[in-house]
């Protein structure tokens, strides 16, 4: 039987994970990019690429950037950047 995956933007995933207790949060895999070419290129330059597994690390105060952890890196992304990344659940 084929497994069906659902997809959403990285922003939507981050918002849903931030509502959960830390022990219930889970990592996600980047599936693809969508949106403005300049932002998509910037994400790739920062090390965000399809197949990368990352986890939500938090959010800066006053609805500022989201914090994501992958490997030994913690990266802050603005919502307009993170919305270009499509994740696979």
C-alpha atoms as a PDB file:
ATOM      1  CA  UNK A   1       0.000   0.000   0.000  1.00  0.00           C
ATOM      2  CA  UNK A   2       1.343   3.433  -0.935  1.00  0.00           C
ATOM      3  CA  UNK A   3       1.788   5.924   1.835  1.00  0.00           C
ATOM      4  CA  UNK A   4       0.182   9.327   1.192  1.00  0.00           C
ATOM      5  CA  UNK A   5       2.092  12.374   2.428  1.00  0.00           C
ATOM      6  CA  UNK A   6       0.545  15.734   3.044  1.00  0.00           C
ATOM      7  CA  UNK A   7       2.373  18.985   2.361  1.00  0.00           C
ATOM      8  CA  UNK A   8       2.261  22.472   3.862  1.00  0.00           C
ATOM      9  CA  UNK A   9       4.449  25.544   4.054  1.00  0.00           C
ATOM     10  CA  UNK A  10       7.240  25.693   6.605  1.00  0.00           C
ATOM     11  CA  UNK A  11       5.456  28.643   8.288  1.00  0.00           C
ATOM     12  CA  UNK A  12       2.239  26.654   8.791  1.00  0.00           C
ATOM     13  CA  UNK A  13       4.217  23.709  10.150  1.00  0.00           C
ATOM     14  CA  UNK A  14       6.174  25.965  12.528  1.00  0.00           C
ATOM     15  CA  UNK A  15       3.010  27.610  13.853  1.00  0.00           C
ATOM     16  CA  UNK A  16       1.430  24.198  14.519  1.00  0.00           C
ATOM     17  CA  UNK A  17       4.577  22.872  16.256  1.00  0.00           C
ATOM     18  CA  UNK A  18       4.961  25.922  18.491  1.00  0.00           C
ATOM     19  CA  UNK A  19       1.554  25.138  20.025  1.00  0.00           C
ATOM     20  CA  UNK A  20       2.800  21.723  21.194  1.00  0.00           C
ATOM     21  CA  UNK A  21       4.854  20.887  24.285  1.00  0.00           C
ATOM     22  CA  UNK A  22       8.552  20.404  23.461  1.00  0.00           C
ATOM     23  CA  UNK A  23       8.403  16.638  23.946  1.00  0.00           C
ATOM     24  CA  UNK A  24       5.641  16.348  21.299  1.00  0.00           C
ATOM     25  CA  UNK A  25       7.322  18.413  18.573  1.00  0.00           C
ATOM     26  CA  UNK A  26       8.734  16.481  15.646  1.00  0.00           C
ATOM     27  CA  UNK A  27      11.109  17.137  12.755  1.00  0.00           C
ATOM     28  CA  UNK A  28       9.970  17.656   9.188  1.00  0.00           C
ATOM     29  CA  UNK A  29      11.545  17.182   5.756  1.00  0.00           C
ATOM     30  CA  UNK A  30      11.803  19.957   3.154  1.00  0.00           C
ATOM     31  CA  UNK A  31      10.004  18.738   0.034  1.00  0.00           C
ATOM     32  CA  UNK A  32      10.334  21.617  -2.442  1.00  0.00           C
ATOM     33  CA  UNK A  33      10.265  25.387  -2.889  1.00  0.00           C
ATOM     34  CA  UNK A  34       7.590  27.692  -4.225  1.00  0.00           C
ATOM     35  CA  UNK A  35       7.448  31.449  -4.612  1.00  0.00           C
ATOM     36  CA  UNK A  36       9.842  34.269  -5.360  1.00  0.00           C
ATOM     37  CA  UNK A  37      13.021  33.080  -7.119  1.00  0.00           C
ATOM     38  CA  UNK A  38      15.316  35.378  -5.122  1.00  0.00           C
ATOM     39  CA  UNK A  39      14.027  34.045  -1.790  1.00  0.00           C
ATOM     40  CA  UNK A  40      14.240  30.429  -2.962  1.00  0.00           C
ATOM     41  CA  UNK A  41      17.872  30.984  -4.012  1.00  0.00           C
ATOM     42  CA  UNK A  42      18.639  32.604  -0.641  1.00  0.00           C
ATOM     43  CA  UNK A  43      17.205  29.584   1.199  1.00  0.00           C
ATOM     44  CA  UNK A  44      19.456  27.259  -0.792  1.00  0.00           C
ATOM     45  CA  UNK A  45      22.475  29.447  -0.031  1.00  0.00           C
ATOM     46  CA  UNK A  46      21.657  29.195   3.693  1.00  0.00           C
ATOM     47  CA  UNK A  47      21.686  25.390   3.499  1.00  0.00           C
ATOM     48  CA  UNK A  48      17.942  24.725   3.136  1.00  0.00           C
ATOM     49  CA  UNK A  49      17.388  22.176   0.357  1.00  0.00           C
ATOM     50  CA  UNK A  50      14.879  19.429  -0.553  1.00  0.00           C
ATOM     51  CA  UNK A  51      15.413  16.348   1.602  1.00  0.00           C
ATOM     52  CA  UNK A  52      16.763  18.322   4.581  1.00  0.00           C
ATOM     53  CA  UNK A  53      15.290  17.327   7.945  1.00  0.00           C
ATOM     54  CA  UNK A  54      14.826  20.203  10.359  1.00  0.00           C
ATOM     55  CA  UNK A  55      12.998  21.017  13.552  1.00  0.00           C
ATOM     56  CA  UNK A  56      11.321  24.151  14.873  1.00  0.00           C
ATOM     57  CA  UNK A  57      13.505  25.620  17.627  1.00  0.00           C
ATOM     58  CA  UNK A  58      11.290  28.571  18.556  1.00  0.00           C
ATOM     59  CA  UNK A  59      10.307  32.054  17.535  1.00  0.00           C
ATOM     60  CA  UNK A  60      11.812  35.398  18.367  1.00  0.00           C
ATOM     61  CA  UNK A  61       9.660  37.839  20.382  1.00  0.00           C
ATOM     62  CA  UNK A  62       7.009  40.096  18.841  1.00  0.00           C
ATOM     63  CA  UNK A  63       6.158  37.800  15.903  1.00  0.00           C
ATOM     64  CA  UNK A  64       9.680  38.072  14.568  1.00  0.00           C
ATOM     65  CA  UNK A  65      11.630  35.308  12.776  1.00  0.00           C
ATOM     66  CA  UNK A  66      11.107  31.589  13.275  1.00  0.00           C
ATOM     67  CA  UNK A  67      14.089  29.592  14.538  1.00  0.00           C
ATOM     68  CA  UNK A  68      14.888  26.245  12.907  1.00  0.00           C
ATOM     69  CA  UNK A  69      17.499  23.657  13.876  1.00  0.00           C
ATOM     70  CA  UNK A  70      19.220  21.258  11.496  1.00  0.00           C
ATOM     71  CA  UNK A  71      22.459  19.484  12.304  1.00  0.00           C
ATOM     72  CA  UNK A  72      24.551  21.825  14.466  1.00  0.00           C
ATOM     73  CA  UNK A  73      22.918  24.908  12.949  1.00  0.00           C
ATOM     74  CA  UNK A  74      20.162  27.169  14.247  1.00  0.00           C
ATOM     75  CA  UNK A  75      18.779  29.449  11.548  1.00  0.00           C
ATOM     76  CA  UNK A  76      16.352  32.373  11.854  1.00  0.00           C
ATOM     77  CA  UNK A  77      13.953  32.789   8.930  1.00  0.00           C
ATOM     78  CA  UNK A  78      11.387  35.525   8.398  1.00  0.00           C
ATOM     79  CA  UNK A  79       7.876  34.356   7.580  1.00  0.00           C
ATOM     80  CA  UNK A  80       8.182  35.598   3.982  1.00  0.00           C
ATOM     81  CA  UNK A  81      11.232  33.346   3.561  1.00  0.00           C
ATOM     82  CA  UNK A  82       9.858  30.295   5.362  1.00  0.00           C
ATOM     83  CA  UNK A  83       6.590  30.367   3.407  1.00  0.00           C
ATOM     84  CA  UNK A  84       8.565  29.501   0.247  1.00  0.00           C
ATOM     85  CA  UNK A  85       9.622  26.130   1.678  1.00  0.00           C
ATOM     86  CA  UNK A  86       7.135  23.296   1.269  1.00  0.00           C
ATOM     87  CA  UNK A  87       7.450  20.489   3.809  1.00  0.00           C
ATOM     88  CA  UNK A  88       6.355  16.856   3.680  1.00  0.00           C
ATOM     89  CA  UNK A  89       4.550  15.501   6.719  1.00  0.00           C
END
